[in-house]
């Protein structure tokens, strides 16, 4: 199993489906298994959950930092 690909698959679902994102927050194991369509051992599911949380948090931080950078750039004449 390509764990990185599975993490990306779940991340994409979290980002594109608000209901799924809520389910992932409440019941991450069930949410991951729903996307993957299989019942996995806890260590694999937990690894995927950790990877998804890290990726979603990093993407969120990156979006926020990008917005801050745009605002700071605007202070100095904007983007040219």
PDB file of N, CA and C in Angstrom:
ATOM      1  N   UNK A   1       0.838  -1.178   0.000  1.00  0.00           N
ATOM      2  CA  UNK A   1       0.000   0.000   0.000  1.00  0.00           C
ATOM      3  C   UNK A   1       0.883   1.241   0.000  1.00  0.00           C
ATOM      4  N   UNK A   2       0.571   2.184  -0.870  1.00  0.00           N
ATOM      5  CA  UNK A   2       1.298   3.448  -0.947  1.00  0.00           C
ATOM      6  C   UNK A   2       0.671   4.417   0.056  1.00  0.00           C
ATOM      7  N   UNK A   3       1.279   4.508   1.232  1.00  0.00           N
ATOM      8  CA  UNK A   3       0.740   5.312   2.325  1.00  0.00           C
ATOM      9  C   UNK A   3       0.642   6.787   1.926  1.00  0.00           C
ATOM     10  N   UNK A   4       1.659   7.308   1.255  1.00  0.00           N
ATOM     11  CA  UNK A   4       1.637   8.723   0.841  1.00  0.00           C
ATOM     12  C   UNK A   4       0.443   9.005  -0.065  1.00  0.00           C
ATOM     13  N   UNK A   5       0.171   8.100  -0.986  1.00  0.00           N
ATOM     14  CA  UNK A   5      -0.965   8.276  -1.895  1.00  0.00           C
ATOM     15  C   UNK A   5      -2.278   8.234  -1.125  1.00  0.00           C
ATOM     16  N   UNK A   6      -2.364   7.350  -0.157  1.00  0.00           N
ATOM     17  CA  UNK A   6      -3.583   7.239   0.654  1.00  0.00           C
ATOM     18  C   UNK A   6      -3.783   8.501   1.492  1.00  0.00           C
ATOM     19  N   UNK A   7      -2.693   9.044   2.038  1.00  0.00           N
ATOM     20  CA  UNK A   7      -2.778  10.285   2.813  1.00  0.00           C
ATOM     21  C   UNK A   7      -3.307  11.400   1.912  1.00  0.00           C
ATOM     22  N   UNK A   8      -2.759  11.514   0.707  1.00  0.00           N
ATOM     23  CA  UNK A   8      -3.206  12.549  -0.236  1.00  0.00           C
ATOM     24  C   UNK A   8      -4.687  12.380  -0.573  1.00  0.00           C
ATOM     25  N   UNK A   9      -5.106  11.138  -0.746  1.00  0.00           N
ATOM     26  CA  UNK A   9      -6.505  10.857  -1.065  1.00  0.00           C
ATOM     27  C   UNK A   9      -7.418  11.345   0.057  1.00  0.00           C
ATOM     28  N   UNK A  10      -7.041  11.059   1.300  1.00  0.00           N
ATOM     29  CA  UNK A  10      -7.851  11.484   2.444  1.00  0.00           C
ATOM     30  C   UNK A  10      -7.783  13.001   2.597  1.00  0.00           C
ATOM     31  N   UNK A  11      -6.608  13.594   2.428  1.00  0.00           N
ATOM     32  CA  UNK A  11      -6.465  15.055   2.523  1.00  0.00           C
ATOM     33  C   UNK A  11      -7.381  15.731   1.507  1.00  0.00           C
ATOM     34  N   UNK A  12      -7.390  15.252   0.291  1.00  0.00           N
ATOM     35  CA  UNK A  12      -8.240  15.834  -0.748  1.00  0.00           C
ATOM     36  C   UNK A  12      -9.716  15.745  -0.369  1.00  0.00           C
ATOM     37  N   UNK A  13     -10.099  14.629   0.220  1.00  0.00           N
ATOM     38  CA  UNK A  13     -11.494  14.449   0.644  1.00  0.00           C
ATOM     39  C   UNK A  13     -11.819  15.397   1.794  1.00  0.00           C
ATOM     40  N   UNK A  14     -10.904  15.556   2.745  1.00  0.00           N
ATOM     41  CA  UNK A  14     -11.115  16.476   3.873  1.00  0.00           C
ATOM     42  C   UNK A  14     -11.303  17.898   3.348  1.00  0.00           C
ATOM     43  N   UNK A  15     -10.483  18.288   2.379  1.00  0.00           N
ATOM     44  CA  UNK A  15     -10.532  19.649   1.860  1.00  0.00           C
ATOM     45  C   UNK A  15     -11.754  19.907   0.986  1.00  0.00           C
ATOM     46  N   UNK A  16     -12.252  18.893   0.320  1.00  0.00           N
ATOM     47  CA  UNK A  16     -13.328  19.102  -0.650  1.00  0.00           C
ATOM     48  C   UNK A  16     -14.724  18.786  -0.112  1.00  0.00           C
ATOM     49  N   UNK A  17     -14.811  18.121   1.027  1.00  0.00           N
ATOM     50  CA  UNK A  17     -16.108  17.675   1.539  1.00  0.00           C
ATOM     51  C   UNK A  17     -16.228  18.070   3.012  1.00  0.00           C
ATOM     52  N   UNK A  18     -17.011  19.115   3.273  1.00  0.00           N
ATOM     53  CA  UNK A  18     -17.156  19.636   4.637  1.00  0.00           C
ATOM     54  C   UNK A  18     -17.694  18.573   5.591  1.00  0.00           C
ATOM     55  N   UNK A  19     -18.666  17.787   5.136  1.00  0.00           N
ATOM     56  CA  UNK A  19     -19.233  16.736   5.989  1.00  0.00           C
ATOM     57  C   UNK A  19     -18.182  15.689   6.339  1.00  0.00           C
ATOM     58  N   UNK A  20     -17.369  15.337   5.355  1.00  0.00           N
ATOM     59  CA  UNK A  20     -16.311  14.362   5.618  1.00  0.00           C
ATOM     60  C   UNK A  20     -15.276  14.946   6.574  1.00  0.00           C
ATOM     61  N   UNK A  21     -14.957  16.229   6.419  1.00  0.00           N
ATOM     62  CA  UNK A  21     -13.993  16.883   7.312  1.00  0.00           C
ATOM     63  C   UNK A  21     -14.477  16.815   8.755  1.00  0.00           C
ATOM     64  N   UNK A  22     -15.765  17.041   8.959  1.00  0.00           N
ATOM     65  CA  UNK A  22     -16.333  16.947  10.303  1.00  0.00           C
ATOM     66  C   UNK A  22     -16.248  15.516  10.826  1.00  0.00           C
ATOM     67  N   UNK A  23     -16.543  14.562   9.956  1.00  0.00           N
ATOM     68  CA  UNK A  23     -16.461  13.158  10.357  1.00  0.00           C
ATOM     69  C   UNK A  23     -15.022  12.786  10.715  1.00  0.00           C
ATOM     70  N   UNK A  24     -14.071  13.290   9.916  1.00  0.00           N
ATOM     71  CA  UNK A  24     -12.660  13.005  10.183  1.00  0.00           C
ATOM     72  C   UNK A  24     -12.250  13.551  11.541  1.00  0.00           C
ATOM     73  N   UNK A  25     -12.757  14.716  11.914  1.00  0.00           N
ATOM     74  CA  UNK A  25     -12.427  15.292  13.219  1.00  0.00           C
ATOM     75  C   UNK A  25     -13.017  14.465  14.355  1.00  0.00           C
ATOM     76  N   UNK A  26     -14.239  13.972  14.158  1.00  0.00           N
ATOM     77  CA  UNK A  26     -14.934  13.236  15.222  1.00  0.00           C
ATOM     78  C   UNK A  26     -14.506  11.775  15.300  1.00  0.00           C
ATOM     79  N   UNK A  27     -14.401  11.132  14.147  1.00  0.00           N
ATOM     80  CA  UNK A  27     -14.094   9.708  14.085  1.00  0.00           C
ATOM     81  C   UNK A  27     -13.082   9.439  12.972  1.00  0.00           C
ATOM     82  N   UNK A  28     -11.827   9.807  13.208  1.00  0.00           N
ATOM     83  CA  UNK A  28     -10.839   9.696  12.121  1.00  0.00           C
ATOM     84  C   UNK A  28     -10.633   8.282  11.594  1.00  0.00           C
ATOM     85  N   UNK A  29     -10.676   7.280  12.458  1.00  0.00           N
ATOM     86  CA  UNK A  29     -10.456   5.899  12.000  1.00  0.00           C
ATOM     87  C   UNK A  29     -11.557   5.486  11.031  1.00  0.00           C
ATOM     88  N   UNK A  30     -12.808   5.718  11.408  1.00  0.00           N
ATOM     89  CA  UNK A  30     -13.923   5.357  10.527  1.00  0.00           C
ATOM     90  C   UNK A  30     -13.871   6.144   9.228  1.00  0.00           C
ATOM     91  N   UNK A  31     -13.517   7.420   9.313  1.00  0.00           N
ATOM     92  CA  UNK A  31     -13.454   8.260   8.123  1.00  0.00           C
ATOM     93  C   UNK A  31     -12.394   7.750   7.147  1.00  0.00           C
ATOM     94  N   UNK A  32     -11.218   7.437   7.658  1.00  0.00           N
ATOM     95  CA  UNK A  32     -10.134   6.938   6.801  1.00  0.00           C
ATOM     96  C   UNK A  32     -10.522   5.609   6.176  1.00  0.00           C
ATOM     97  N   UNK A  33     -11.072   4.716   6.971  1.00  0.00           N
ATOM     98  CA  UNK A  33     -11.455   3.407   6.437  1.00  0.00           C
ATOM     99  C   UNK A  33     -12.562   3.540   5.399  1.00  0.00           C
ATOM    100  N   UNK A  34     -13.430   4.539   5.570  1.00  0.00           N
ATOM    101  CA  UNK A  34     -14.491   4.781   4.592  1.00  0.00           C
ATOM    102  C   UNK A  34     -13.895   5.170   3.237  1.00  0.00           C
ATOM    103  N   UNK A  35     -12.912   6.048   3.246  1.00  0.00           N
ATOM    104  CA  UNK A  35     -12.285   6.491   1.995  1.00  0.00           C
ATOM    105  C   UNK A  35     -11.510   5.353   1.356  1.00  0.00           C
ATOM    106  N   UNK A  36     -10.785   4.614   2.170  1.00  0.00           N
ATOM    107  CA  UNK A  36      -9.945   3.541   1.642  1.00  0.00           C
ATOM    108  C   UNK A  36     -10.741   2.304   1.262  1.00  0.00           C
ATOM    109  N   UNK A  37     -11.899   2.143   1.891  1.00  0.00           N
ATOM    110  CA  UNK A  37     -12.738   0.992   1.588  1.00  0.00           C
ATOM    111  C   UNK A  37     -12.253  -0.305   2.192  1.00  0.00           C
ATOM    112  N   UNK A  38     -11.347  -0.220   3.156  1.00  0.00           N
ATOM    113  CA  UNK A  38     -10.833  -1.422   3.818  1.00  0.00           C
ATOM    114  C   UNK A  38     -10.645  -1.164   5.311  1.00  0.00           C
ATOM    115  N   UNK A  39     -10.656  -2.253   6.068  1.00  0.00           N
ATOM    116  CA  UNK A  39     -10.374  -2.201   7.499  1.00  0.00           C
ATOM    117  C   UNK A  39      -8.889  -2.502   7.673  1.00  0.00           C
ATOM    118  N   UNK A  40      -8.131  -1.522   8.144  1.00  0.00           N
ATOM    119  CA  UNK A  40      -6.685  -1.669   8.281  1.00  0.00           C
ATOM    120  C   UNK A  40      -6.286  -1.870   9.739  1.00  0.00           C
ATOM    121  N   UNK A  41      -5.092  -2.416   9.952  1.00  0.00           N
ATOM    122  CA  UNK A  41      -4.568  -2.494  11.316  1.00  0.00           C
ATOM    123  C   UNK A  41      -4.406  -1.091  11.901  1.00  0.00           C
ATOM    124  N   UNK A  42      -4.580  -0.988  13.211  1.00  0.00           N
ATOM    125  CA  UNK A  42      -4.536   0.313  13.881  1.00  0.00           C
ATOM    126  C   UNK A  42      -3.274   1.100  13.577  1.00  0.00           C
ATOM    127  N   UNK A  43      -2.124   0.441  13.529  1.00  0.00           N
ATOM    128  CA  UNK A  43      -0.884   1.193  13.300  1.00  0.00           C
ATOM    129  C   UNK A  43      -0.878   1.856  11.922  1.00  0.00           C
ATOM    130  N   UNK A  44      -1.423   1.193  10.924  1.00  0.00           N
ATOM    131  CA  UNK A  44      -1.480   1.795   9.587  1.00  0.00           C
ATOM    132  C   UNK A  44      -2.499   2.923   9.540  1.00  0.00           C
ATOM    133  N   UNK A  45      -3.667   2.719  10.149  1.00  0.00           N
ATOM    134  CA  UNK A  45      -4.693   3.758  10.160  1.00  0.00           C
ATOM    135  C   UNK A  45      -4.184   4.980  10.912  1.00  0.00           C
ATOM    136  N   UNK A  46      -3.560   4.760  12.055  1.00  0.00           N
ATOM    137  CA  UNK A  46      -3.050   5.886  12.843  1.00  0.00           C
ATOM    138  C   UNK A  46      -1.952   6.639  12.104  1.00  0.00           C
ATOM    139  N   UNK A  47      -1.130   5.925  11.357  1.00  0.00           N
ATOM    140  CA  UNK A  47      -0.104   6.578  10.548  1.00  0.00           C
ATOM    141  C   UNK A  47      -0.722   7.461   9.473  1.00  0.00           C
ATOM    142  N   UNK A  48      -1.768   6.981   8.849  1.00  0.00           N
ATOM    143  CA  UNK A  48      -2.464   7.762   7.830  1.00  0.00           C
ATOM    144  C   UNK A  48      -3.135   8.979   8.470  1.00  0.00           C
ATOM    145  N   UNK A  49      -3.783   8.774   9.607  1.00  0.00           N
ATOM    146  CA  UNK A  49      -4.442   9.874  10.314  1.00  0.00           C
ATOM    147  C   UNK A  49      -3.425  10.956  10.671  1.00  0.00           C
ATOM    148  N   UNK A  50      -2.300  10.557  11.221  1.00  0.00           N
ATOM    149  CA  UNK A  50      -1.251  11.519  11.583  1.00  0.00           C
ATOM    150  C   UNK A  50      -0.746  12.277  10.355  1.00  0.00           C
ATOM    151  N   UNK A  51      -0.571  11.558   9.264  1.00  0.00           N
ATOM    152  CA  UNK A  51      -0.114  12.184   8.029  1.00  0.00           C
ATOM    153  C   UNK A  51      -1.118  13.181   7.484  1.00  0.00           C
ATOM    154  N   UNK A  52      -2.398  12.829   7.541  1.00  0.00           N
ATOM    155  CA  UNK A  52      -3.450  13.723   7.062  1.00  0.00           C
ATOM    156  C   UNK A  52      -3.493  14.978   7.920  1.00  0.00           C
ATOM    157  N   UNK A  53      -3.472  14.799   9.238  1.00  0.00           N
ATOM    158  CA  UNK A  53      -3.516  15.962  10.134  1.00  0.00           C
ATOM    159  C   UNK A  53      -2.330  16.883   9.890  1.00  0.00           C
ATOM    160  N   UNK A  54      -1.159  16.317   9.723  1.00  0.00           N
ATOM    161  CA  UNK A  54       0.035  17.124   9.479  1.00  0.00           C
ATOM    162  C   UNK A  54      -0.087  17.871   8.158  1.00  0.00           C
ATOM    163  N   UNK A  55      -0.524  17.195   7.118  1.00  0.00           N
ATOM    164  CA  UNK A  55      -0.640  17.811   5.793  1.00  0.00           C
ATOM    165  C   UNK A  55      -1.691  18.909   5.793  1.00  0.00           C
ATOM    166  N   UNK A  56      -2.831  18.656   6.406  1.00  0.00           N
ATOM    167  CA  UNK A  56      -3.893  19.656   6.449  1.00  0.00           C
ATOM    168  C   UNK A  56      -3.420  20.870   7.241  1.00  0.00           C
ATOM    169  N   UNK A  57      -2.732  20.649   8.353  1.00  0.00           N
ATOM    170  CA  UNK A  57      -2.227  21.763   9.158  1.00  0.00           C
ATOM    171  C   UNK A  57      -1.168  22.546   8.410  1.00  0.00           C
ATOM    172  N   UNK A  58      -0.262  21.873   7.724  1.00  0.00           N
ATOM    173  CA  UNK A  58       0.778  22.568   6.960  1.00  0.00           C
ATOM    174  C   UNK A  58       0.173  23.376   5.826  1.00  0.00           C
ATOM    175  N   UNK A  59      -0.802  22.807   5.136  1.00  0.00           N
ATOM    176  CA  UNK A  59      -1.449  23.532   4.043  1.00  0.00           C
ATOM    177  C   UNK A  59      -2.172  24.756   4.576  1.00  0.00           C
ATOM    178  N   UNK A  60      -2.821  24.609   5.710  1.00  0.00           N
ATOM    179  CA  UNK A  60      -3.545  25.724   6.316  1.00  0.00           C
ATOM    180  C   UNK A  60      -2.586  26.831   6.731  1.00  0.00           C
ATOM    181  N   UNK A  61      -1.478  26.443   7.327  1.00  0.00           N
ATOM    182  CA  UNK A  61      -0.458  27.413   7.738  1.00  0.00           C
ATOM    183  C   UNK A  61       0.121  28.103   6.509  1.00  0.00           C
ATOM    184  N   UNK A  62       0.384  27.335   5.466  1.00  0.00           N
ATOM    185  CA  UNK A  62       0.923  27.907   4.230  1.00  0.00           C
ATOM    186  C   UNK A  62      -0.033  28.916   3.617  1.00  0.00           C
ATOM    187  N   UNK A  63      -1.328  28.606   3.634  1.00  0.00           N
ATOM    188  CA  UNK A  63      -2.318  29.543   3.110  1.00  0.00           C
ATOM    189  C   UNK A  63      -2.308  30.836   3.917  1.00  0.00           C
ATOM    190  N   UNK A  64      -2.234  30.708   5.231  1.00  0.00           N
ATOM    191  CA  UNK A  64      -2.225  31.889   6.089  1.00  0.00           C
ATOM    192  C   UNK A  64      -0.958  32.706   5.872  1.00  0.00           C
ATOM    193  N   UNK A  65       0.179  32.028   5.772  1.00  0.00           N
ATOM    194  CA  UNK A  65       1.437  32.739   5.557  1.00  0.00           C
ATOM    195  C   UNK A  65       1.463  33.421   4.198  1.00  0.00           C
ATOM    196  N   UNK A  66       0.901  32.769   3.203  1.00  0.00           N
ATOM    197  CA  UNK A  66       0.833  33.373   1.873  1.00  0.00           C
ATOM    198  C   UNK A  66       0.016  34.655   1.900  1.00  0.00           C
ATOM    199  N   UNK A  67      -1.082  34.643   2.631  1.00  0.00           N
ATOM    200  CA  UNK A  67      -1.904  35.843   2.761  1.00  0.00           C
ATOM    201  C   UNK A  67      -1.170  36.948   3.480  1.00  0.00           C
ATOM    202  N   UNK A  68      -0.424  36.597   4.508  1.00  0.00           N
ATOM    203  CA  UNK A  68       0.368  37.586   5.244  1.00  0.00           C
ATOM    204  C   UNK A  68       1.445  38.154   4.339  1.00  0.00           C
ATOM    205  N   UNK A  69       2.099  37.294   3.578  1.00  0.00           N
ATOM    206  CA  UNK A  69       3.149  37.762   2.666  1.00  0.00           C
ATOM    207  C   UNK A  69       2.581  38.725   1.630  1.00  0.00           C
ATOM    208  N   UNK A  70       1.380  38.430   1.130  1.00  0.00           N
ATOM    209  CA  UNK A  70       0.743  39.330   0.161  1.00  0.00           C
ATOM    210  C   UNK A  70       0.468  40.691   0.783  1.00  0.00           C
ATOM    211  N   UNK A  71      -0.020  40.683   2.022  1.00  0.00           N
ATOM    212  CA  UNK A  71      -0.318  41.943   2.708  1.00  0.00           C
ATOM    213  C   UNK A  71       0.962  42.729   2.969  1.00  0.00           C
ATOM    214  N   UNK A  72       2.010  42.052   3.385  1.00  0.00           N
ATOM    215  CA  UNK A  72       3.288  42.729   3.632  1.00  0.00           C
ATOM    216  C   UNK A  72       3.835  43.285   2.328  1.00  0.00           C
ATOM    217  N   UNK A  73       3.741  42.498   1.269  1.00  0.00           N
ATOM    218  CA  UNK A  73       4.204  42.965  -0.043  1.00  0.00           C
ATOM    219  C   UNK A  73       3.462  44.209  -0.476  1.00  0.00           C
ATOM    220  N   UNK A  74       2.162  44.284  -0.135  1.00  0.00           N
ATOM    221  CA  UNK A  74       1.371  45.449  -0.463  1.00  0.00           C
ATOM    222  C   UNK A  74       1.849  46.707   0.214  1.00  0.00           C
ATOM    223  N   UNK A  75       2.469  46.546   1.370  1.00  0.00           N
ATOM    224  CA  UNK A  75       3.007  47.703   2.096  1.00  0.00           C
ATOM    225  C   UNK A  75       4.188  48.338   1.353  1.00  0.00           C
ATOM    226  N   UNK A  76       4.844  47.531   0.538  1.00  0.00           N
ATOM    227  CA  UNK A  76       6.052  47.994  -0.137  1.00  0.00           C
ATOM    228  C   UNK A  76       5.835  48.124  -1.651  1.00  0.00           C
ATOM    229  N   UNK A  77       4.654  48.514  -2.045  1.00  0.00           N
ATOM    230  CA  UNK A  77       4.407  48.768  -3.461  1.00  0.00           C
ATOM    231  C   UNK A  77       3.722  47.621  -4.183  1.00  0.00           C
ATOM    232  N   UNK A  78       3.348  46.578  -3.457  1.00  0.00           N
ATOM    233  CA  UNK A  78       2.605  45.484  -4.076  1.00  0.00           C
ATOM    234  C   UNK A  78       3.462  44.571  -4.922  1.00  0.00           C
ATOM    235  N   UNK A  79       2.799  43.619  -5.535  1.00  0.00           N
ATOM    236  CA  UNK A  79       3.475  42.649  -6.407  1.00  0.00           C
ATOM    237  C   UNK A  79       3.577  43.223  -7.804  1.00  0.00           C
ATOM    238  N   UNK A  80       4.748  43.229  -8.343  1.00  0.00           N
ATOM    239  CA  UNK A  80       4.945  43.757  -9.701  1.00  0.00           C
ATOM    240  C   UNK A  80       5.439  42.700 -10.625  1.00  0.00           C
TER     241      UNK A  80
END
